[in-house]
Amino acid sequence: SIGDNGMGGWYSYRISKAALNMATKNMSLELKRSGVWCVSLHPGTTDTGLSKPFQKNVKPEKLFTTKFTVSQLLGVVESMDVSHTGSFFAWDGQEIEW
């Protein structure tokens, strides 16, 4: 999120995530009229090929299996209601500031 960027760098990655966040917010406003909810989810660092190059900097207890990540995200989604639309949530259900 913009709120936790204390290092700079990673321009393309950060810009694409900012666009995704705006798309989530914008779509949530329009889709809510049709009864559709729209949220962004942060899965945490999941043990996949994408995260391999960065795993050395991740504490072991913060590197999740895909099974754990899917279970957590399903639980987060199942706990939501319409009041959550347009927001961003972490794997543990905590709301993340934009």
N, C-alpha and C. Protein backbone atom coordinates (compact mmCIF):
# COMPACT_ATOMS: atom_id res chain seq x y z
N SER A 1 0.84 -1.19 0.00
CA SER A 1 0.00 0.00 0.00
C SER A 1 0.88 1.25 0.00
N ILE A 2 0.30 2.35 -0.32
CA ILE A 2 1.02 3.62 -0.30
C ILE A 2 1.46 3.92 1.13
N GLY A 3 0.61 3.58 2.09
CA GLY A 3 0.90 3.88 3.48
C GLY A 3 2.10 3.17 4.05
N ASP A 4 2.46 2.00 3.50
CA ASP A 4 3.60 1.28 4.08
C ASP A 4 4.86 1.36 3.22
N ASN A 5 4.87 2.25 2.22
CA ASN A 5 6.05 2.40 1.36
C ASN A 5 7.05 3.31 2.04
N GLY A 6 8.06 2.70 2.64
CA GLY A 6 9.10 3.47 3.31
C GLY A 6 10.44 3.37 2.62
N MET A 7 10.50 2.67 1.46
CA MET A 7 11.77 2.44 0.79
C MET A 7 11.87 3.03 -0.60
N GLY A 8 10.74 3.27 -1.26
CA GLY A 8 10.78 3.70 -2.65
C GLY A 8 11.12 2.53 -3.55
N GLY A 9 11.55 2.82 -4.77
CA GLY A 9 11.93 1.77 -5.70
C GLY A 9 10.75 0.95 -6.19
N TRP A 10 11.07 -0.10 -6.93
CA TRP A 10 10.08 -1.04 -7.47
C TRP A 10 8.96 -0.29 -8.20
N TYR A 11 9.33 0.64 -9.05
CA TYR A 11 8.35 1.53 -9.66
C TYR A 11 7.22 0.81 -10.39
N SER A 12 7.56 -0.07 -11.30
CA SER A 12 6.50 -0.75 -12.08
C SER A 12 5.56 -1.54 -11.19
N TYR A 13 6.13 -2.26 -10.22
CA TYR A 13 5.31 -3.05 -9.30
C TYR A 13 4.38 -2.15 -8.50
N ARG A 14 4.94 -1.10 -7.91
CA ARG A 14 4.14 -0.21 -7.06
C ARG A 14 3.08 0.55 -7.86
N ILE A 15 3.43 0.98 -9.06
CA ILE A 15 2.47 1.70 -9.90
C ILE A 15 1.32 0.77 -10.30
N SER A 16 1.64 -0.48 -10.64
CA SER A 16 0.58 -1.42 -11.02
C SER A 16 -0.35 -1.70 -9.84
N LYS A 17 0.21 -1.77 -8.63
CA LYS A 17 -0.63 -2.02 -7.45
C LYS A 17 -1.51 -0.81 -7.14
N ALA A 18 -0.98 0.39 -7.34
CA ALA A 18 -1.79 1.60 -7.13
C ALA A 18 -2.96 1.62 -8.11
N ALA A 19 -2.71 1.21 -9.36
CA ALA A 19 -3.78 1.14 -10.35
C ALA A 19 -4.82 0.09 -9.95
N LEU A 20 -4.35 -1.04 -9.46
CA LEU A 20 -5.27 -2.09 -9.00
C LEU A 20 -6.14 -1.58 -7.85
N ASN A 21 -5.53 -0.86 -6.92
CA ASN A 21 -6.29 -0.33 -5.78
C ASN A 21 -7.36 0.65 -6.25
N MET A 22 -7.02 1.52 -7.20
CA MET A 22 -8.00 2.46 -7.72
C MET A 22 -9.10 1.73 -8.47
N ALA A 23 -8.74 0.71 -9.22
CA ALA A 23 -9.75 -0.08 -9.94
C ALA A 23 -10.71 -0.73 -8.95
N THR A 24 -10.19 -1.27 -7.86
CA THR A 24 -11.04 -1.89 -6.84
C THR A 24 -12.02 -0.87 -6.27
N LYS A 25 -11.51 0.28 -5.90
CA LYS A 25 -12.37 1.32 -5.32
C LYS A 25 -13.41 1.79 -6.32
N ASN A 26 -12.98 2.07 -7.53
CA ASN A 26 -13.88 2.58 -8.56
C ASN A 26 -14.96 1.55 -8.91
N MET A 27 -14.54 0.31 -9.16
CA MET A 27 -15.51 -0.74 -9.51
C MET A 27 -16.47 -1.01 -8.36
N SER A 28 -15.97 -0.90 -7.12
CA SER A 28 -16.86 -1.18 -5.99
C SER A 28 -18.03 -0.21 -5.95
N LEU A 29 -17.78 1.04 -6.31
CA LEU A 29 -18.84 2.05 -6.30
C LEU A 29 -19.89 1.75 -7.36
N GLU A 30 -19.43 1.36 -8.54
CA GLU A 30 -20.37 1.06 -9.63
C GLU A 30 -21.07 -0.28 -9.44
N LEU A 31 -20.32 -1.31 -9.07
CA LEU A 31 -20.89 -2.65 -8.96
C LEU A 31 -21.82 -2.81 -7.76
N LYS A 32 -21.60 -2.01 -6.73
CA LYS A 32 -22.46 -2.07 -5.55
C LYS A 32 -23.93 -1.82 -5.93
N ARG A 33 -24.13 -1.00 -6.94
CA ARG A 33 -25.50 -0.70 -7.41
C ARG A 33 -26.20 -1.95 -7.94
N SER A 34 -25.41 -2.93 -8.35
CA SER A 34 -25.95 -4.19 -8.86
C SER A 34 -25.87 -5.31 -7.83
N GLY A 35 -25.47 -4.98 -6.61
CA GLY A 35 -25.39 -5.97 -5.56
C GLY A 35 -24.09 -6.77 -5.55
N VAL A 36 -23.08 -6.29 -6.25
CA VAL A 36 -21.79 -6.98 -6.31
C VAL A 36 -20.80 -6.27 -5.42
N TRP A 37 -20.05 -7.02 -4.62
CA TRP A 37 -19.02 -6.45 -3.76
C TRP A 37 -17.67 -6.61 -4.44
N CYS A 38 -16.78 -5.68 -4.17
CA CYS A 38 -15.46 -5.71 -4.80
C CYS A 38 -14.42 -5.33 -3.74
N VAL A 39 -13.48 -6.22 -3.47
CA VAL A 39 -12.42 -5.95 -2.50
C VAL A 39 -11.07 -6.38 -3.08
N SER A 40 -10.01 -5.85 -2.49
CA SER A 40 -8.66 -6.33 -2.81
C SER A 40 -8.17 -7.14 -1.63
N LEU A 41 -7.42 -8.20 -1.92
CA LEU A 41 -6.89 -9.07 -0.88
C LEU A 41 -5.37 -9.18 -0.99
N HIS A 42 -4.71 -9.11 0.14
CA HIS A 42 -3.25 -9.30 0.21
C HIS A 42 -3.02 -10.69 0.81
N PRO A 43 -2.46 -11.62 0.03
CA PRO A 43 -2.32 -12.99 0.51
C PRO A 43 -1.14 -13.22 1.45
N GLY A 44 -0.33 -12.19 1.68
CA GLY A 44 0.92 -12.42 2.41
C GLY A 44 1.93 -13.04 1.46
N THR A 45 3.10 -13.36 1.95
CA THR A 45 4.12 -13.98 1.11
C THR A 45 3.86 -15.48 1.06
N THR A 46 3.50 -15.94 -0.11
CA THR A 46 3.15 -17.34 -0.31
C THR A 46 4.30 -18.03 -1.04
N ASP A 47 4.59 -19.24 -0.62
CA ASP A 47 5.71 -20.01 -1.16
C ASP A 47 5.40 -20.48 -2.58
N THR A 48 5.70 -19.62 -3.54
CA THR A 48 5.50 -19.93 -4.96
C THR A 48 6.75 -19.49 -5.72
N GLY A 49 6.80 -19.81 -6.99
CA GLY A 49 7.92 -19.40 -7.82
C GLY A 49 8.08 -17.89 -7.88
N LEU A 50 6.98 -17.17 -7.82
CA LEU A 50 7.03 -15.72 -7.87
C LEU A 50 7.77 -15.12 -6.67
N SER A 51 7.58 -15.72 -5.50
CA SER A 51 8.21 -15.17 -4.29
C SER A 51 9.59 -15.75 -4.01
N LYS A 52 10.01 -16.78 -4.72
CA LYS A 52 11.31 -17.42 -4.45
C LYS A 52 12.46 -16.43 -4.33
N PRO A 53 12.62 -15.47 -5.26
CA PRO A 53 13.76 -14.57 -5.17
C PRO A 53 13.78 -13.69 -3.91
N PHE A 54 12.65 -13.56 -3.24
CA PHE A 54 12.53 -12.66 -2.10
C PHE A 54 12.40 -13.39 -0.76
N GLN A 55 12.33 -14.70 -0.79
CA GLN A 55 12.05 -15.47 0.42
C GLN A 55 13.15 -15.39 1.48
N LYS A 56 14.37 -15.12 1.09
CA LYS A 56 15.45 -15.06 2.07
C LYS A 56 15.24 -13.94 3.08
N ASN A 57 14.44 -12.93 2.71
CA ASN A 57 14.16 -11.80 3.61
C ASN A 57 12.87 -11.96 4.40
N VAL A 58 12.23 -13.11 4.26
CA VAL A 58 10.94 -13.34 4.92
C VAL A 58 11.14 -14.26 6.12
N LYS A 59 10.61 -13.85 7.26
CA LYS A 59 10.67 -14.71 8.45
C LYS A 59 9.92 -16.00 8.16
N PRO A 60 10.43 -17.14 8.63
CA PRO A 60 9.77 -18.44 8.33
C PRO A 60 8.28 -18.47 8.68
N GLU A 61 7.90 -17.83 9.77
CA GLU A 61 6.49 -17.84 10.17
C GLU A 61 5.62 -16.94 9.28
N LYS A 62 6.24 -16.15 8.41
CA LYS A 62 5.50 -15.26 7.50
C LYS A 62 5.54 -15.76 6.06
N LEU A 63 6.13 -16.93 5.82
CA LEU A 63 6.14 -17.54 4.50
C LEU A 63 5.09 -18.65 4.50
N PHE A 64 4.02 -18.44 3.76
CA PHE A 64 2.86 -19.31 3.84
C PHE A 64 2.81 -20.34 2.72
N THR A 65 2.26 -21.50 3.03
CA THR A 65 2.00 -22.50 1.99
C THR A 65 0.78 -22.02 1.19
N THR A 66 0.64 -22.53 -0.02
CA THR A 66 -0.52 -22.15 -0.82
C THR A 66 -1.82 -22.62 -0.15
N LYS A 67 -1.79 -23.78 0.48
CA LYS A 67 -2.98 -24.29 1.16
C LYS A 67 -3.41 -23.34 2.28
N PHE A 68 -2.45 -22.87 3.08
CA PHE A 68 -2.74 -21.93 4.15
C PHE A 68 -3.32 -20.64 3.59
N THR A 69 -2.67 -20.11 2.55
CA THR A 69 -3.11 -18.84 1.96
C THR A 69 -4.54 -18.94 1.44
N VAL A 70 -4.85 -20.00 0.71
CA VAL A 70 -6.21 -20.17 0.17
C VAL A 70 -7.22 -20.26 1.30
N SER A 71 -6.91 -21.03 2.32
CA SER A 71 -7.81 -21.18 3.46
C SER A 71 -8.06 -19.83 4.14
N GLN A 72 -7.00 -19.08 4.35
CA GLN A 72 -7.13 -17.78 5.02
C GLN A 72 -7.98 -16.82 4.18
N LEU A 73 -7.69 -16.73 2.88
CA LEU A 73 -8.41 -15.78 2.04
C LEU A 73 -9.89 -16.15 1.91
N LEU A 74 -10.17 -17.45 1.82
CA LEU A 74 -11.58 -17.87 1.79
C LEU A 74 -12.29 -17.47 3.08
N GLY A 75 -11.61 -17.63 4.21
CA GLY A 75 -12.19 -17.22 5.48
C GLY A 75 -12.46 -15.72 5.54
N VAL A 76 -11.54 -14.94 5.01
CA VAL A 76 -11.71 -13.48 4.98
C VAL A 76 -12.94 -13.13 4.14
N VAL A 77 -13.01 -13.69 2.95
CA VAL A 77 -14.13 -13.39 2.05
C VAL A 77 -15.45 -13.83 2.67
N GLU A 78 -15.48 -15.00 3.29
CA GLU A 78 -16.72 -15.50 3.89
C GLU A 78 -17.19 -14.66 5.06
N SER A 79 -16.29 -13.89 5.67
CA SER A 79 -16.67 -13.07 6.82
C SER A 79 -17.18 -11.69 6.42
N MET A 80 -17.17 -11.38 5.14
CA MET A 80 -17.50 -10.04 4.69
C MET A 80 -18.98 -9.84 4.44
N ASP A 81 -19.35 -8.56 4.44
CA ASP A 81 -20.68 -8.16 4.02
C ASP A 81 -20.53 -6.91 3.16
N VAL A 82 -21.62 -6.33 2.75
CA VAL A 82 -21.60 -5.20 1.82
C VAL A 82 -20.80 -4.01 2.35
N SER A 83 -20.68 -3.88 3.65
CA SER A 83 -19.94 -2.74 4.21
C SER A 83 -18.44 -2.82 3.90
N HIS A 84 -17.95 -3.96 3.49
CA HIS A 84 -16.52 -4.13 3.20
C HIS A 84 -16.15 -3.78 1.76
N THR A 85 -17.16 -3.59 0.90
CA THR A 85 -16.86 -3.33 -0.50
C THR A 85 -16.02 -2.07 -0.67
N GLY A 86 -15.06 -2.14 -1.59
CA GLY A 86 -14.19 -1.00 -1.86
C GLY A 86 -12.98 -0.91 -0.97
N SER A 87 -12.71 -1.95 -0.18
CA SER A 87 -11.60 -1.90 0.76
C SER A 87 -10.54 -2.96 0.44
N PHE A 88 -9.47 -2.92 1.21
CA PHE A 88 -8.30 -3.77 1.00
C PHE A 88 -8.05 -4.52 2.31
N PHE A 89 -7.89 -5.86 2.21
CA PHE A 89 -7.74 -6.68 3.40
C PHE A 89 -6.55 -7.63 3.28
N ALA A 90 -5.92 -7.88 4.41
CA ALA A 90 -4.80 -8.81 4.48
C ALA A 90 -5.32 -10.23 4.70
N TRP A 91 -4.42 -11.18 4.57
CA TRP A 91 -4.72 -12.60 4.73
C TRP A 91 -5.33 -12.92 6.09
N ASP A 92 -5.08 -12.08 7.09
CA ASP A 92 -5.60 -12.33 8.44
C ASP A 92 -6.88 -11.56 8.73
N GLY A 93 -7.45 -10.93 7.71
CA GLY A 93 -8.70 -10.20 7.87
C GLY A 93 -8.55 -8.74 8.28
N GLN A 94 -7.35 -8.31 8.55
CA GLN A 94 -7.13 -6.92 8.94
C GLN A 94 -7.26 -6.01 7.73
N GLU A 95 -7.95 -4.88 7.90
CA GLU A 95 -8.05 -3.92 6.80
C GLU A 95 -6.72 -3.21 6.63
N ILE A 96 -6.30 -3.03 5.38
CA ILE A 96 -5.05 -2.36 5.05
C ILE A 96 -5.38 -0.97 4.50
N GLU A 97 -4.68 0.03 5.00
CA GLU A 97 -4.91 1.37 4.47
C GLU A 97 -4.42 1.45 3.02
N TRP A 98 -5.12 2.27 2.24
CA TRP A 98 -4.69 2.43 0.86
C TRP A 98 -3.38 3.17 0.85
